[in-house]
Amino acid sequence: MATGFFAILDDVATLLDDTAAITKAAAKKTGSILVDDMAVNAEKATGFQHDRELPVLWAIAKGSLLNKVIILPVALLLSAVAPWLIVPILIVGGLYLAFEGAEKIAEWFGLHHGHDDAPVEALAGSTPEAVEASKIRAAILTDFILSIEIIVLTIGTVVGKPLAVQVLVTAAVSLLATVGVYGLVAAIIRMDDAGLALIERARHSARWSCRMEDRAGRALVAAMPWVIRALAVIGSLAMVLVGGGIFVHNIPALHHINEDYLAFAPVLGEFLAGLGAGFMVMLAVWVTGLIRGWLGGRRAEH
């Protein structure tokens, strides 16, 4: 009886060792996506009233956890019974991300095609609560696409492993992604509060280090507007880059072009692929809007 019990413990220990080793490898493989994920979600979590930033971030984080709870079993099932479906799903998600990023980049140059925040807010309602809820839904949808790629990449590292290892590794990476990304985002959007706390502590302290604390606090407060602007830019570029990365890694023709002509800067190839796809989707949306408007006018005439 005791021998059987220790044999079970040994099996559990072996399983946990394998899980830890593979989780570390999977985390390295998804590291670049997690950085992009952080940039995108930091940009999505800003632009709210100061007292609403953390509640909004918490709502998005809960949505992110729910996304992963939904995606994980579906992705494992698809990888077992219909692996050919994973790439088309990734590409559709990549098109969405590329479109969102290209749309923001177009707005930097004053190009609007009728799919900006104003119509969204008008549709959602004019109250701050309705606008906030609309932005949270948009952020959770973007997180859903990013979560699909993180989970699919993780599953790619555990192909051929026992089912228990696949589930544990994928769940561990998913949880670490959510906690790590949204924990860092919370720290970023509360950087000014940390600066004010340092200033206040220095004001009521007679220690020799109070001057350094005061300067550090003022630097954090002064840097906050620049950080917010930088996050808006980095988040938009990251969406294009993630979308382009999906295309380059999953469409053989683009992969060969990137290797043959842009081997010196593969990230540039991914960015150009994402930007091109994003602008094509923008054009399709614009043309669809024109056609719908024309058809609506024809119906009104009759």
C-alpha atoms as a PDB file:
ATOM      1  CA  MET A   1       0.000   0.000   0.000  1.00  0.00           C
ATOM      2  CA  ALA A   2       2.764   2.430   0.985  1.00  0.00           C
ATOM      3  CA  THR A   3       4.730   1.478  -2.136  1.00  0.00           C
ATOM      4  CA  GLY A   4       1.753   2.318  -4.347  1.00  0.00           C
ATOM      5  CA  PHE A   5       1.271   5.655  -2.586  1.00  0.00           C
ATOM      6  CA  PHE A   6       4.911   6.657  -3.102  1.00  0.00           C
ATOM      7  CA  ALA A   7       4.721   5.533  -6.722  1.00  0.00           C
ATOM      8  CA  ILE A   8       1.791   7.922  -7.231  1.00  0.00           C
ATOM      9  CA  LEU A   9       3.770  10.735  -5.577  1.00  0.00           C
ATOM     10  CA  ASP A  10       6.695   9.985  -7.874  1.00  0.00           C
ATOM     11  CA  ASP A  11       4.417  10.148 -10.920  1.00  0.00           C
ATOM     12  CA  VAL A  12       2.977  13.463  -9.726  1.00  0.00           C
ATOM     13  CA  ALA A  13       6.466  14.872  -9.126  1.00  0.00           C
ATOM     14  CA  THR A  14       7.568  13.790 -12.606  1.00  0.00           C
ATOM     15  CA  LEU A  15       4.451  15.354 -14.127  1.00  0.00           C
ATOM     16  CA  LEU A  16       5.075  18.638 -12.296  1.00  0.00           C
ATOM     17  CA  ASP A  17       8.750  18.662 -13.320  1.00  0.00           C
ATOM     18  CA  ASP A  18       7.797  18.115 -16.962  1.00  0.00           C
ATOM     19  CA  THR A  19       5.106  20.782 -16.691  1.00  0.00           C
ATOM     20  CA  ALA A  20       7.515  23.332 -15.190  1.00  0.00           C
ATOM     21  CA  ALA A  21      10.178  22.715 -17.844  1.00  0.00           C
ATOM     22  CA  ILE A  22       7.738  22.900 -20.758  1.00  0.00           C
ATOM     23  CA  THR A  23       5.960  25.929 -19.250  1.00  0.00           C
ATOM     24  CA  LYS A  24       9.291  27.763 -19.161  1.00  0.00           C
ATOM     25  CA  ALA A  25       9.922  26.915 -22.828  1.00  0.00           C
ATOM     26  CA  ALA A  26       6.386  27.951 -23.799  1.00  0.00           C
ATOM     27  CA  ALA A  27       6.714  31.244 -21.904  1.00  0.00           C
ATOM     28  CA  LYS A  28       9.885  32.035 -23.866  1.00  0.00           C
ATOM     29  CA  LYS A  29       8.148  31.232 -27.146  1.00  0.00           C
ATOM     30  CA  THR A  30       5.189  33.493 -26.340  1.00  0.00           C
ATOM     31  CA  GLY A  31       7.307  36.234 -24.763  1.00  0.00           C
ATOM     32  CA  SER A  32       7.124  38.610 -27.716  1.00  0.00           C
ATOM     33  CA  ILE A  33       3.346  38.180 -27.920  1.00  0.00           C
ATOM     34  CA  LEU A  34       3.052  38.927 -24.196  1.00  0.00           C
ATOM     35  CA  VAL A  35       5.014  42.168 -24.656  1.00  0.00           C
ATOM     36  CA  ASP A  36       2.712  43.185 -27.498  1.00  0.00           C
ATOM     37  CA  ASP A  37      -0.275  42.082 -25.409  1.00  0.00           C
ATOM     38  CA  MET A  38       0.848  44.359 -22.584  1.00  0.00           C
ATOM     39  CA  ALA A  39       1.298  47.334 -24.931  1.00  0.00           C
ATOM     40  CA  VAL A  40      -2.106  46.804 -26.544  1.00  0.00           C
ATOM     41  CA  ASN A  41      -3.960  46.352 -23.258  1.00  0.00           C
ATOM     42  CA  ALA A  42      -2.183  49.269 -21.592  1.00  0.00           C
ATOM     43  CA  GLU A  43      -3.372  51.459 -24.462  1.00  0.00           C
ATOM     44  CA  LYS A  44      -6.900  50.050 -24.173  1.00  0.00           C
ATOM     45  CA  ALA A  45      -7.002  50.647 -20.392  1.00  0.00           C
ATOM     46  CA  THR A  46      -6.098  54.349 -20.605  1.00  0.00           C
ATOM     47  CA  GLY A  47      -8.270  57.325 -21.467  1.00  0.00           C
ATOM     48  CA  PHE A  48     -10.734  56.879 -18.594  1.00  0.00           C
ATOM     49  CA  GLN A  49     -11.411  59.021 -15.536  1.00  0.00           C
ATOM     50  CA  HIS A  50      -8.664  58.564 -12.952  1.00  0.00           C
ATOM     51  CA  ASP A  51     -10.937  56.906 -10.409  1.00  0.00           C
ATOM     52  CA  ARG A  52     -12.260  54.511 -13.072  1.00  0.00           C
ATOM     53  CA  GLU A  53      -8.918  53.266 -14.430  1.00  0.00           C
ATOM     54  CA  LEU A  54      -8.434  50.383 -11.991  1.00  0.00           C
ATOM     55  CA  PRO A  55     -12.102  49.244 -12.046  1.00  0.00           C
ATOM     56  CA  VAL A  56     -11.988  49.266 -15.855  1.00  0.00           C
ATOM     57  CA  LEU A  57      -8.701  47.358 -15.855  1.00  0.00           C
ATOM     58  CA  TRP A  58     -10.156  44.825 -13.410  1.00  0.00           C
ATOM     59  CA  ALA A  59     -13.204  44.363 -15.668  1.00  0.00           C
ATOM     60  CA  ILE A  60     -10.923  43.782 -18.684  1.00  0.00           C
ATOM     61  CA  ALA A  61      -8.728  41.377 -16.683  1.00  0.00           C
ATOM     62  CA  LYS A  62     -11.784  39.332 -15.654  1.00  0.00           C
ATOM     63  CA  GLY A  63     -12.857  39.270 -19.284  1.00  0.00           C
ATOM     64  CA  SER A  64      -9.354  38.112 -20.213  1.00  0.00           C
ATOM     65  CA  LEU A  65      -9.558  35.215 -17.758  1.00  0.00           C
ATOM     66  CA  LEU A  66     -12.966  34.261 -19.128  1.00  0.00           C
ATOM     67  CA  ASN A  67     -11.550  34.423 -22.665  1.00  0.00           C
ATOM     68  CA  LYS A  68      -8.852  31.933 -21.758  1.00  0.00           C
ATOM     69  CA  VAL A  69     -11.303  29.645 -19.953  1.00  0.00           C
ATOM     70  CA  ILE A  70     -13.360  29.550 -23.181  1.00  0.00           C
ATOM     71  CA  ILE A  71     -10.431  29.299 -25.603  1.00  0.00           C
ATOM     72  CA  LEU A  72      -8.315  26.688 -23.793  1.00  0.00           C
ATOM     73  CA  PRO A  73     -10.639  23.637 -24.049  1.00  0.00           C
ATOM     74  CA  VAL A  74     -11.748  24.618 -27.560  1.00  0.00           C
ATOM     75  CA  ALA A  75      -8.136  24.978 -28.732  1.00  0.00           C
ATOM     76  CA  LEU A  76      -7.143  21.642 -27.201  1.00  0.00           C
ATOM     77  CA  LEU A  77     -10.143  19.969 -28.822  1.00  0.00           C
ATOM     78  CA  LEU A  78      -9.419  21.518 -32.226  1.00  0.00           C
ATOM     79  CA  SER A  79      -5.754  20.550 -32.042  1.00  0.00           C
ATOM     80  CA  ALA A  80      -6.875  16.945 -31.484  1.00  0.00           C
ATOM     81  CA  VAL A  81      -9.772  16.590 -33.940  1.00  0.00           C
ATOM     82  CA  ALA A  82      -9.524  19.462 -36.467  1.00  0.00           C
ATOM     83  CA  PRO A  83      -6.060  21.070 -36.384  1.00  0.00           C
ATOM     84  CA  TRP A  84      -6.608  22.480 -39.897  1.00  0.00           C
ATOM     85  CA  LEU A  85      -9.147  24.952 -38.428  1.00  0.00           C
ATOM     86  CA  ILE A  86      -6.621  26.662 -36.160  1.00  0.00           C
ATOM     87  CA  VAL A  87      -4.762  28.571 -38.898  1.00  0.00           C
ATOM     88  CA  PRO A  88      -7.931  30.074 -40.510  1.00  0.00           C
ATOM     89  CA  ILE A  89      -9.123  31.157 -37.053  1.00  0.00           C
ATOM     90  CA  LEU A  90      -5.753  32.785 -36.362  1.00  0.00           C
ATOM     91  CA  ILE A  91      -5.797  34.594 -39.710  1.00  0.00           C
ATOM     92  CA  VAL A  92      -9.281  35.989 -39.102  1.00  0.00           C
ATOM     93  CA  GLY A  93      -8.106  37.243 -35.729  1.00  0.00           C
ATOM     94  CA  GLY A  94      -4.990  38.693 -37.341  1.00  0.00           C
ATOM     95  CA  LEU A  95      -7.151  40.606 -39.828  1.00  0.00           C
ATOM     96  CA  TYR A  96      -9.110  42.121 -36.941  1.00  0.00           C
ATOM     97  CA  LEU A  97      -5.962  43.209 -35.115  1.00  0.00           C
ATOM     98  CA  ALA A  98      -4.340  44.559 -38.291  1.00  0.00           C
ATOM     99  CA  PHE A  99      -7.514  46.493 -39.101  1.00  0.00           C
ATOM    100  CA  GLU A 100      -7.673  48.074 -35.638  1.00  0.00           C
ATOM    101  CA  GLY A 101      -4.008  49.037 -35.718  1.00  0.00           C
ATOM    102  CA  ALA A 102      -4.088  50.362 -39.300  1.00  0.00           C
ATOM    103  CA  GLU A 103      -7.197  52.367 -38.449  1.00  0.00           C
ATOM    104  CA  LYS A 104      -5.368  54.108 -35.604  1.00  0.00           C
ATOM    105  CA  ILE A 105      -2.326  54.769 -37.797  1.00  0.00           C
ATOM    106  CA  ALA A 106      -4.560  56.252 -40.516  1.00  0.00           C
ATOM    107  CA  GLU A 107      -6.094  58.574 -37.922  1.00  0.00           C
ATOM    108  CA  TRP A 108      -2.621  59.913 -37.050  1.00  0.00           C
ATOM    109  CA  PHE A 109      -2.499  61.291 -40.603  1.00  0.00           C
ATOM    110  CA  GLY A 110      -6.029  62.663 -40.485  1.00  0.00           C
ATOM    111  CA  LEU A 111      -7.602  59.854 -42.498  1.00  0.00           C
ATOM    112  CA  HIS A 112     -11.039  58.903 -41.190  1.00  0.00           C
ATOM    113  CA  HIS A 113     -13.327  56.441 -42.869  1.00  0.00           C
ATOM    114  CA  GLY A 114     -16.317  56.523 -40.551  1.00  0.00           C
ATOM    115  CA  HIS A 115     -15.292  53.772 -38.131  1.00  0.00           C
ATOM    116  CA  ASP A 116     -13.919  55.861 -35.318  1.00  0.00           C
ATOM    117  CA  ASP A 117     -14.831  56.239 -31.674  1.00  0.00           C
ATOM    118  CA  ALA A 118     -17.572  58.817 -32.179  1.00  0.00           C
ATOM    119  CA  PRO A 119     -20.047  56.516 -33.948  1.00  0.00           C
ATOM    120  CA  VAL A 120     -19.291  53.750 -31.458  1.00  0.00           C
ATOM    121  CA  GLU A 121     -20.076  56.061 -28.577  1.00  0.00           C
ATOM    122  CA  ALA A 122     -23.220  57.291 -30.307  1.00  0.00           C
ATOM    123  CA  LEU A 123     -24.407  53.729 -30.789  1.00  0.00           C
ATOM    124  CA  ALA A 124     -23.503  52.684 -27.263  1.00  0.00           C
ATOM    125  CA  GLY A 125     -25.210  55.691 -25.708  1.00  0.00           C
ATOM    126  CA  SER A 126     -24.178  59.149 -24.604  1.00  0.00           C
ATOM    127  CA  THR A 127     -23.730  58.344 -20.917  1.00  0.00           C
ATOM    128  CA  PRO A 128     -20.185  57.832 -19.567  1.00  0.00           C
ATOM    129  CA  GLU A 129     -21.193  54.410 -18.258  1.00  0.00           C
ATOM    130  CA  ALA A 130     -22.338  53.267 -21.710  1.00  0.00           C
ATOM    131  CA  VAL A 131     -19.180  54.599 -23.376  1.00  0.00           C
ATOM    132  CA  GLU A 132     -17.035  52.875 -20.739  1.00  0.00           C
ATOM    133  CA  ALA A 133     -18.878  49.580 -21.207  1.00  0.00           C
ATOM    134  CA  SER A 134     -18.391  49.835 -24.981  1.00  0.00           C
ATOM    135  CA  LYS A 135     -14.647  50.387 -24.593  1.00  0.00           C
ATOM    136  CA  ILE A 136     -14.362  47.487 -22.144  1.00  0.00           C
ATOM    137  CA  ARG A 137     -16.099  45.179 -24.633  1.00  0.00           C
ATOM    138  CA  ALA A 138     -13.728  46.316 -27.386  1.00  0.00           C
ATOM    139  CA  ALA A 139     -10.708  45.696 -25.131  1.00  0.00           C
ATOM    140  CA  ILE A 140     -11.948  42.208 -24.181  1.00  0.00           C
ATOM    141  CA  LEU A 141     -12.504  41.372 -27.856  1.00  0.00           C
ATOM    142  CA  THR A 142      -8.938  42.431 -28.681  1.00  0.00           C
ATOM    143  CA  ASP A 143      -7.686  40.379 -25.738  1.00  0.00           C
ATOM    144  CA  PHE A 144      -9.656  37.408 -27.096  1.00  0.00           C
ATOM    145  CA  ILE A 145      -7.683  37.496 -30.357  1.00  0.00           C
ATOM    146  CA  LEU A 146      -4.355  37.857 -28.548  1.00  0.00           C
ATOM    147  CA  SER A 147      -5.301  35.044 -26.150  1.00  0.00           C
ATOM    148  CA  ILE A 148      -6.013  32.724 -29.079  1.00  0.00           C
ATOM    149  CA  GLU A 149      -2.496  33.242 -30.420  1.00  0.00           C
ATOM    150  CA  ILE A 150      -0.874  32.802 -26.997  1.00  0.00           C
ATOM    151  CA  ILE A 151      -2.766  29.557 -26.357  1.00  0.00           C
ATOM    152  CA  VAL A 152      -2.194  28.179 -29.868  1.00  0.00           C
ATOM    153  CA  LEU A 153       1.537  28.915 -29.645  1.00  0.00           C
ATOM    154  CA  THR A 154       1.631  27.229 -26.249  1.00  0.00           C
ATOM    155  CA  ILE A 155      -0.176  24.166 -27.557  1.00  0.00           C
ATOM    156  CA  GLY A 156       2.424  23.985 -30.319  1.00  0.00           C
ATOM    157  CA  THR A 157       5.115  23.410 -27.696  1.00  0.00           C
ATOM    158  CA  VAL A 158       3.260  20.513 -26.034  1.00  0.00           C
ATOM    159  CA  VAL A 159       2.210  18.544 -29.115  1.00  0.00           C
ATOM    160  CA  GLY A 160       2.811  14.837 -28.478  1.00  0.00           C
ATOM    161  CA  LYS A 161       2.898  15.262 -24.687  1.00  0.00           C
ATOM    162  CA  PRO A 162       0.373  13.564 -22.368  1.00  0.00           C
ATOM    163  CA  LEU A 163      -2.980  15.326 -22.155  1.00  0.00           C
ATOM    164  CA  ALA A 164      -2.402  16.222 -18.488  1.00  0.00           C
ATOM    165  CA  VAL A 165       0.846  18.018 -19.401  1.00  0.00           C
ATOM    166  CA  GLN A 166      -0.860  19.846 -22.271  1.00  0.00           C
ATOM    167  CA  VAL A 167      -3.668  21.078 -20.016  1.00  0.00           C
ATOM    168  CA  LEU A 168      -1.381  22.080 -17.129  1.00  0.00           C
ATOM    169  CA  VAL A 169       1.159  23.890 -19.317  1.00  0.00           C
ATOM    170  CA  THR A 170      -1.466  25.766 -21.338  1.00  0.00           C
ATOM    171  CA  ALA A 171      -3.397  26.728 -18.199  1.00  0.00           C
ATOM    172  CA  ALA A 172      -0.202  27.887 -16.459  1.00  0.00           C
ATOM    173  CA  VAL A 173       0.916  30.062 -19.392  1.00  0.00           C
ATOM    174  CA  SER A 174      -2.602  31.499 -19.740  1.00  0.00           C
ATOM    175  CA  LEU A 175      -2.774  32.401 -16.055  1.00  0.00           C
ATOM    176  CA  LEU A 176       0.740  33.869 -16.035  1.00  0.00           C
ATOM    177  CA  ALA A 177      -0.102  35.889 -19.140  1.00  0.00           C
ATOM    178  CA  THR A 178      -3.201  37.434 -17.568  1.00  0.00           C
ATOM    179  CA  VAL A 179      -1.687  38.115 -14.145  1.00  0.00           C
ATOM    180  CA  GLY A 180       1.626  39.354 -15.542  1.00  0.00           C
ATOM    181  CA  VAL A 181       0.218  41.535 -18.308  1.00  0.00           C
ATOM    182  CA  TYR A 182      -2.546  43.183 -16.301  1.00  0.00           C
ATOM    183  CA  GLY A 183      -0.354  43.521 -13.206  1.00  0.00           C
ATOM    184  CA  LEU A 184       2.201  45.484 -15.250  1.00  0.00           C
ATOM    185  CA  VAL A 185      -0.537  47.535 -16.886  1.00  0.00           C
ATOM    186  CA  ALA A 186      -1.925  48.423 -13.438  1.00  0.00           C
ATOM    187  CA  ALA A 187       1.553  49.552 -12.359  1.00  0.00           C
ATOM    188  CA  ILE A 188       1.900  51.703 -15.479  1.00  0.00           C
ATOM    189  CA  ILE A 189      -1.432  53.490 -15.170  1.00  0.00           C
ATOM    190  CA  ARG A 190      -0.825  54.157 -11.460  1.00  0.00           C
ATOM    191  CA  MET A 191       2.684  55.531 -12.020  1.00  0.00           C
ATOM    192  CA  ASP A 192       1.534  59.083 -11.262  1.00  0.00           C
ATOM    193  CA  ASP A 193       0.013  57.953  -7.944  1.00  0.00           C
ATOM    194  CA  ALA A 194       3.357  56.422  -6.980  1.00  0.00           C
ATOM    195  CA  GLY A 195       5.033  59.729  -7.851  1.00  0.00           C
ATOM    196  CA  LEU A 196       2.587  61.735  -5.751  1.00  0.00           C
ATOM    197  CA  ALA A 197       3.110  59.332  -2.837  1.00  0.00           C
ATOM    198  CA  LEU A 198       6.884  59.885  -3.041  1.00  0.00           C
ATOM    199  CA  ILE A 199       6.422  63.664  -3.141  1.00  0.00           C
ATOM    200  CA  GLU A 200       4.104  63.558  -0.125  1.00  0.00           C
ATOM    201  CA  ARG A 201       6.465  61.323   1.846  1.00  0.00           C
ATOM    202  CA  ALA A 202       9.419  63.577   1.060  1.00  0.00           C
ATOM    203  CA  ARG A 203       7.450  66.602   2.202  1.00  0.00           C
ATOM    204  CA  HIS A 204       6.903  65.114   5.677  1.00  0.00           C
ATOM    205  CA  SER A 205      10.327  63.569   6.072  1.00  0.00           C
ATOM    206  CA  ALA A 206      13.584  64.986   7.414  1.00  0.00           C
ATOM    207  CA  ARG A 207      15.740  62.160   6.059  1.00  0.00           C
ATOM    208  CA  TRP A 208      18.677  62.927   3.783  1.00  0.00           C
ATOM    209  CA  SER A 209      17.020  60.972   0.973  1.00  0.00           C
ATOM    210  CA  CYS A 210      13.843  63.077   0.928  1.00  0.00           C
ATOM    211  CA  ARG A 211      15.177  65.343  -1.826  1.00  0.00           C
ATOM    212  CA  MET A 212      15.876  62.330  -4.040  1.00  0.00           C
ATOM    213  CA  GLU A 213      12.404  60.941  -3.345  1.00  0.00           C
ATOM    214  CA  ASP A 214      10.862  64.306  -4.210  1.00  0.00           C
ATOM    215  CA  ARG A 215      12.739  64.469  -7.507  1.00  0.00           C
ATOM    216  CA  ALA A 216      11.855  60.882  -8.367  1.00  0.00           C
ATOM    217  CA  GLY A 217       8.189  61.523  -7.584  1.00  0.00           C
ATOM    218  CA  ARG A 218       8.082  64.666  -9.707  1.00  0.00           C
ATOM    219  CA  ALA A 219       9.782  62.815 -12.559  1.00  0.00           C
ATOM    220  CA  LEU A 220       7.157  60.056 -12.433  1.00  0.00           C
ATOM    221  CA  VAL A 221       4.291  62.572 -12.426  1.00  0.00           C
ATOM    222  CA  ALA A 222       5.835  64.586 -15.276  1.00  0.00           C
ATOM    223  CA  ALA A 223       6.479  61.448 -17.326  1.00  0.00           C
ATOM    224  CA  MET A 224       2.930  60.109 -17.062  1.00  0.00           C
ATOM    225  CA  PRO A 225       1.394  62.100 -19.997  1.00  0.00           C
ATOM    226  CA  TRP A 226       4.302  61.051 -22.214  1.00  0.00           C
ATOM    227  CA  VAL A 227       3.885  57.417 -21.167  1.00  0.00           C
ATOM    228  CA  ILE A 228       0.183  57.528 -22.046  1.00  0.00           C
ATOM    229  CA  ARG A 229       0.961  58.983 -25.482  1.00  0.00           C
ATOM    230  CA  ALA A 230       3.684  56.396 -26.021  1.00  0.00           C
ATOM    231  CA  LEU A 231       1.319  53.576 -25.045  1.00  0.00           C
ATOM    232  CA  ALA A 232      -1.212  54.774 -27.626  1.00  0.00           C
ATOM    233  CA  VAL A 233       1.452  54.642 -30.336  1.00  0.00           C
ATOM    234  CA  ILE A 234       3.060  51.378 -29.188  1.00  0.00           C
ATOM    235  CA  GLY A 235      -0.321  49.678 -28.732  1.00  0.00           C
ATOM    236  CA  SER A 236      -1.426  50.553 -32.265  1.00  0.00           C
ATOM    237  CA  LEU A 237       1.888  49.433 -33.780  1.00  0.00           C
ATOM    238  CA  ALA A 238       1.761  46.227 -31.701  1.00  0.00           C
ATOM    239  CA  MET A 239      -1.670  45.312 -33.086  1.00  0.00           C
ATOM    240  CA  VAL A 240      -0.374  45.681 -36.644  1.00  0.00           C
ATOM    241  CA  LEU A 241       2.769  43.723 -35.765  1.00  0.00           C
ATOM    242  CA  VAL A 242       0.886  40.851 -34.101  1.00  0.00           C
ATOM    243  CA  GLY A 243      -1.527  40.637 -37.023  1.00  0.00           C
ATOM    244  CA  GLY A 244       1.353  40.672 -39.507  1.00  0.00           C
ATOM    245  CA  GLY A 245       3.193  38.036 -37.490  1.00  0.00           C
ATOM    246  CA  ILE A 246       0.154  35.760 -37.736  1.00  0.00           C
ATOM    247  CA  PHE A 247       0.099  36.165 -41.536  1.00  0.00           C
ATOM    248  CA  VAL A 248       3.838  35.686 -42.053  1.00  0.00           C
ATOM    249  CA  HIS A 249       4.036  32.608 -39.808  1.00  0.00           C
ATOM    250  CA  ASN A 250       0.941  30.913 -41.199  1.00  0.00           C
ATOM    251  CA  ILE A 251       0.834  31.862 -44.900  1.00  0.00           C
ATOM    252  CA  PRO A 252       3.689  30.078 -46.717  1.00  0.00           C
ATOM    253  CA  ALA A 253       3.982  32.656 -49.545  1.00  0.00           C
ATOM    254  CA  LEU A 254       4.417  35.538 -47.096  1.00  0.00           C
ATOM    255  CA  HIS A 255       6.805  33.472 -45.005  1.00  0.00           C
ATOM    256  CA  HIS A 256       9.052  32.834 -48.018  1.00  0.00           C
ATOM    257  CA  ILE A 257       8.945  36.487 -49.103  1.00  0.00           C
ATOM    258  CA  ASN A 258       9.906  37.575 -45.610  1.00  0.00           C
ATOM    259  CA  GLU A 259      12.793  35.091 -45.496  1.00  0.00           C
ATOM    260  CA  ASP A 260      14.050  35.841 -49.018  1.00  0.00           C
ATOM    261  CA  TYR A 261      13.827  39.639 -49.066  1.00  0.00           C
ATOM    262  CA  LEU A 262      13.613  40.810 -45.449  1.00  0.00           C
ATOM    263  CA  ALA A 263      15.760  38.269 -43.620  1.00  0.00           C
ATOM    264  CA  PHE A 264      17.839  41.175 -42.265  1.00  0.00           C
ATOM    265  CA  ALA A 265      14.734  42.588 -40.511  1.00  0.00           C
ATOM    266  CA  PRO A 266      11.940  39.993 -40.265  1.00  0.00           C
ATOM    267  CA  VAL A 267       9.972  42.222 -37.892  1.00  0.00           C
ATOM    268  CA  LEU A 268       9.737  44.814 -40.667  1.00  0.00           C
ATOM    269  CA  GLY A 269       8.200  42.189 -42.961  1.00  0.00           C
ATOM    270  CA  GLU A 270       5.642  41.286 -40.306  1.00  0.00           C
ATOM    271  CA  PHE A 271       4.774  44.945 -39.783  1.00  0.00           C
ATOM    272  CA  LEU A 272       4.369  45.596 -43.520  1.00  0.00           C
ATOM    273  CA  ALA A 273       2.205  42.481 -43.898  1.00  0.00           C
ATOM    274  CA  GLY A 274      -0.018  43.609 -41.027  1.00  0.00           C
ATOM    275  CA  LEU A 275      -0.229  47.186 -42.297  1.00  0.00           C
ATOM    276  CA  GLY A 276      -1.094  46.053 -45.830  1.00  0.00           C
ATOM    277  CA  ALA A 277      -3.770  43.661 -44.590  1.00  0.00           C
ATOM    278  CA  GLY A 278      -5.168  46.294 -42.234  1.00  0.00           C
ATOM    279  CA  PHE A 279      -5.498  48.878 -44.998  1.00  0.00           C
ATOM    280  CA  MET A 280      -7.127  46.311 -47.296  1.00  0.00           C
ATOM    281  CA  VAL A 281      -9.737  45.571 -44.610  1.00  0.00           C
ATOM    282  CA  MET A 282     -10.240  49.333 -44.151  1.00  0.00           C
ATOM    283  CA  LEU A 283     -10.819  49.672 -47.897  1.00  0.00           C
ATOM    284  CA  ALA A 284     -13.286  46.769 -47.829  1.00  0.00           C
ATOM    285  CA  VAL A 285     -15.167  48.365 -44.928  1.00  0.00           C
ATOM    286  CA  TRP A 286     -15.245  51.713 -46.732  1.00  0.00           C
ATOM    287  CA  VAL A 287     -16.509  50.182 -49.993  1.00  0.00           C
ATOM    288  CA  THR A 288     -19.121  48.158 -48.082  1.00  0.00           C
ATOM    289  CA  GLY A 289     -20.297  51.358 -46.399  1.00  0.00           C
ATOM    290  CA  LEU A 290     -20.620  53.103 -49.763  1.00  0.00           C
ATOM    291  CA  ILE A 291     -22.597  50.209 -51.222  1.00  0.00           C
ATOM    292  CA  ARG A 292     -24.917  50.047 -48.227  1.00  0.00           C
ATOM    293  CA  GLY A 293     -25.450  53.811 -48.410  1.00  0.00           C
ATOM    294  CA  TRP A 294     -26.204  53.612 -52.133  1.00  0.00           C
ATOM    295  CA  LEU A 295     -28.635  50.721 -51.639  1.00  0.00           C
ATOM    296  CA  GLY A 296     -30.297  52.569 -48.782  1.00  0.00           C
ATOM    297  CA  GLY A 297     -30.723  55.610 -50.994  1.00  0.00           C
ATOM    298  CA  ARG A 298     -32.235  53.502 -53.771  1.00  0.00           C
ATOM    299  CA  ARG A 299     -34.737  51.972 -51.349  1.00  0.00           C
ATOM    300  CA  ALA A 300     -35.661  55.436 -50.054  1.00  0.00           C
ATOM    301  CA  GLU A 301     -36.354  56.597 -53.608  1.00  0.00           C
ATOM    302  CA  HIS A 302     -38.763  53.738 -54.134  1.00  0.00           C
END
